[in-house]
Amino acid sequence: FIGLQNVFNARISEKIGTIETTVVVHGIGLAVAILAMLLWGDRNFKGLKELNKLYLLGGAIGVVVVFCVTKGVTLLGTTYAVAIQIITQLIVSTIIDTKGLFGAQRIQFNYTKPLGIVIMILGIIVFKSRG
């Protein structure tokens, strides 16, 4: 679905612009999320009071992600943009896990983690080369 969303968002942005696309996508997403909550959710928001308010930035980060990926697909193409997105997610996730940030369980860092990321980067270089 990520690949589909990226292409669909890029096509919308060609007609109305990237920021406008981000607004439309999040508006539709909000409507679908509310419907899903009404149909299947328990409608419990009490836990928000005890939540670290920093985590509420996830919504704002989502806006930045949709904007950047939509722009990336427009400028670089779907495959390259998604590949960069996946590698970036792995790098950030590795840092979060190895440092135990944001309440994540700390995972021991070993050579296989950066090696896997390097192999993925090499794969993108090979994929994008015009051989």
Protein backbone atom coordinates (compact mmCIF):
# COMPACT_ATOMS: atom_id res chain seq x y z
CA PHE A 1 0.00 0.00 0.00
CA ILE A 2 2.93 2.38 0.59
CA GLY A 3 3.96 2.11 -3.06
CA LEU A 4 0.39 2.74 -4.21
CA GLN A 5 -0.05 5.67 -1.85
CA ASN A 6 3.18 7.26 -3.06
CA VAL A 7 2.18 7.04 -6.72
CA PHE A 8 -1.40 8.21 -6.08
CA ASN A 9 -0.16 11.17 -4.02
CA ALA A 10 2.34 12.12 -6.72
CA ARG A 11 -0.41 12.08 -9.37
CA ILE A 12 -2.65 14.26 -7.19
CA SER A 13 0.23 16.68 -6.56
CA GLU A 14 0.76 17.10 -10.31
CA LYS A 15 -2.74 18.61 -10.47
CA ILE A 16 -3.03 20.55 -7.20
CA GLY A 17 0.46 20.85 -5.65
CA THR A 18 2.31 18.92 -2.95
CA ILE A 19 1.12 20.87 0.10
CA GLU A 20 -2.47 20.74 -1.11
CA THR A 21 -2.09 17.00 -1.73
CA THR A 22 -0.85 16.56 1.84
CA VAL A 23 -3.98 18.34 3.13
CA VAL A 24 -6.32 16.23 0.96
CA VAL A 25 -4.60 12.95 1.87
CA HIS A 26 -4.68 13.67 5.61
CA GLY A 27 -8.28 14.90 5.43
CA ILE A 28 -9.41 11.69 3.74
CA GLY A 29 -7.24 9.70 6.15
CA LEU A 30 -8.91 11.42 9.11
CA ALA A 31 -12.37 10.59 7.75
CA VAL A 32 -11.42 6.93 7.23
CA ALA A 33 -9.80 6.74 10.68
CA ILE A 34 -12.91 8.18 12.35
CA LEU A 35 -15.13 5.71 10.48
CA ALA A 36 -12.86 2.79 11.48
CA MET A 37 -12.92 3.94 15.10
CA LEU A 38 -16.71 4.18 15.07
CA LEU A 39 -17.04 0.71 13.54
CA TRP A 40 -14.29 -1.21 15.32
CA GLY A 41 -12.61 1.00 17.92
CA ASP A 42 -13.23 1.16 21.64
CA ARG A 43 -13.26 4.99 21.57
CA ASN A 44 -11.01 5.18 24.60
CA PHE A 45 -8.95 8.36 24.71
CA LYS A 46 -8.41 8.40 28.49
CA GLY A 47 -4.81 7.22 28.10
CA LEU A 48 -3.89 10.48 26.36
CA LYS A 49 -3.72 12.18 29.76
CA GLU A 50 -0.84 9.94 30.86
CA LEU A 51 0.95 10.00 27.51
CA ASN A 52 4.25 11.80 27.00
CA LYS A 53 3.06 14.76 24.90
CA LEU A 54 6.15 14.44 22.68
CA TYR A 55 4.54 11.36 21.09
CA LEU A 56 1.67 13.48 19.78
CA LEU A 57 4.16 14.92 17.29
CA GLY A 58 3.61 11.69 15.35
CA GLY A 59 0.73 13.37 13.54
CA ALA A 60 2.88 16.34 12.51
CA ILE A 61 5.67 13.99 11.48
CA GLY A 62 3.14 12.15 9.31
CA VAL A 63 2.43 15.38 7.45
CA VAL A 64 6.16 15.89 6.81
CA VAL A 65 6.54 12.26 5.67
CA VAL A 66 3.66 12.45 3.19
CA PHE A 67 4.90 15.78 1.82
CA CYS A 68 8.51 14.58 1.44
CA VAL A 69 7.67 11.20 -0.07
CA THR A 70 5.20 12.77 -2.50
CA LYS A 71 7.85 15.27 -3.57
CA GLY A 72 10.45 12.48 -3.75
CA VAL A 73 8.30 10.33 -6.04
CA THR A 74 7.69 13.33 -8.28
CA LEU A 75 11.41 14.16 -8.50
CA LEU A 76 13.04 10.70 -8.35
CA GLY A 77 10.42 8.13 -9.31
CA THR A 78 8.59 5.65 -7.12
CA THR A 79 11.26 2.96 -6.77
CA TYR A 80 14.09 5.27 -5.85
CA ALA A 81 11.96 7.34 -3.45
CA VAL A 82 10.62 4.25 -1.65
CA ALA A 83 14.11 2.71 -1.47
CA ILE A 84 15.46 5.87 0.18
CA GLN A 85 12.47 5.86 2.54
CA ILE A 86 13.11 2.25 3.59
CA ILE A 87 16.83 2.76 4.14
CA THR A 88 16.22 5.94 6.14
CA GLN A 89 13.63 4.11 8.26
CA LEU A 90 16.14 1.32 8.95
CA ILE A 91 18.87 3.77 9.96
CA VAL A 92 16.58 5.75 12.29
CA SER A 93 15.02 2.56 13.71
CA THR A 94 18.47 1.09 14.36
CA ILE A 95 19.48 4.20 16.29
CA ILE A 96 16.23 4.14 18.30
CA ASP A 97 16.59 0.41 19.10
CA THR A 98 20.29 0.44 19.95
CA LYS A 99 19.93 3.51 22.17
CA GLY A 100 16.59 2.43 23.66
CA LEU A 101 15.05 5.79 22.80
CA PHE A 102 11.38 6.71 23.38
CA GLY A 103 10.78 3.70 25.60
CA ALA A 104 11.88 1.14 23.00
CA GLN A 105 13.50 -2.02 24.28
CA ARG A 106 17.26 -1.68 23.84
CA ILE A 107 18.70 -4.07 21.25
CA GLN A 108 22.39 -4.84 21.10
CA PHE A 109 24.21 -3.28 18.17
CA ASN A 110 26.38 -5.59 16.07
CA TYR A 111 28.05 -5.45 12.68
CA THR A 112 25.15 -7.12 10.85
CA LYS A 113 22.87 -4.09 11.23
CA PRO A 114 25.02 -1.52 9.39
CA LEU A 115 26.17 -4.23 6.96
CA GLY A 116 22.55 -4.89 5.99
CA ILE A 117 21.96 -1.18 5.43
CA VAL A 118 25.12 -0.88 3.31
CA ILE A 119 24.01 -3.87 1.21
CA MET A 120 20.63 -2.19 0.65
CA ILE A 121 22.33 1.06 -0.39
CA LEU A 122 24.54 -0.87 -2.80
CA GLY A 123 21.41 -2.55 -4.15
CA ILE A 124 19.87 0.85 -4.89
CA ILE A 125 23.05 1.97 -6.64
CA VAL A 126 23.04 -1.18 -8.77
CA PHE A 127 19.30 -0.85 -9.44
CA LYS A 128 19.61 2.79 -10.51
CA SER A 129 22.78 2.32 -12.61
CA ARG A 130 22.30 2.57 -16.33
CA GLY A 131 24.34 -0.51 -17.25
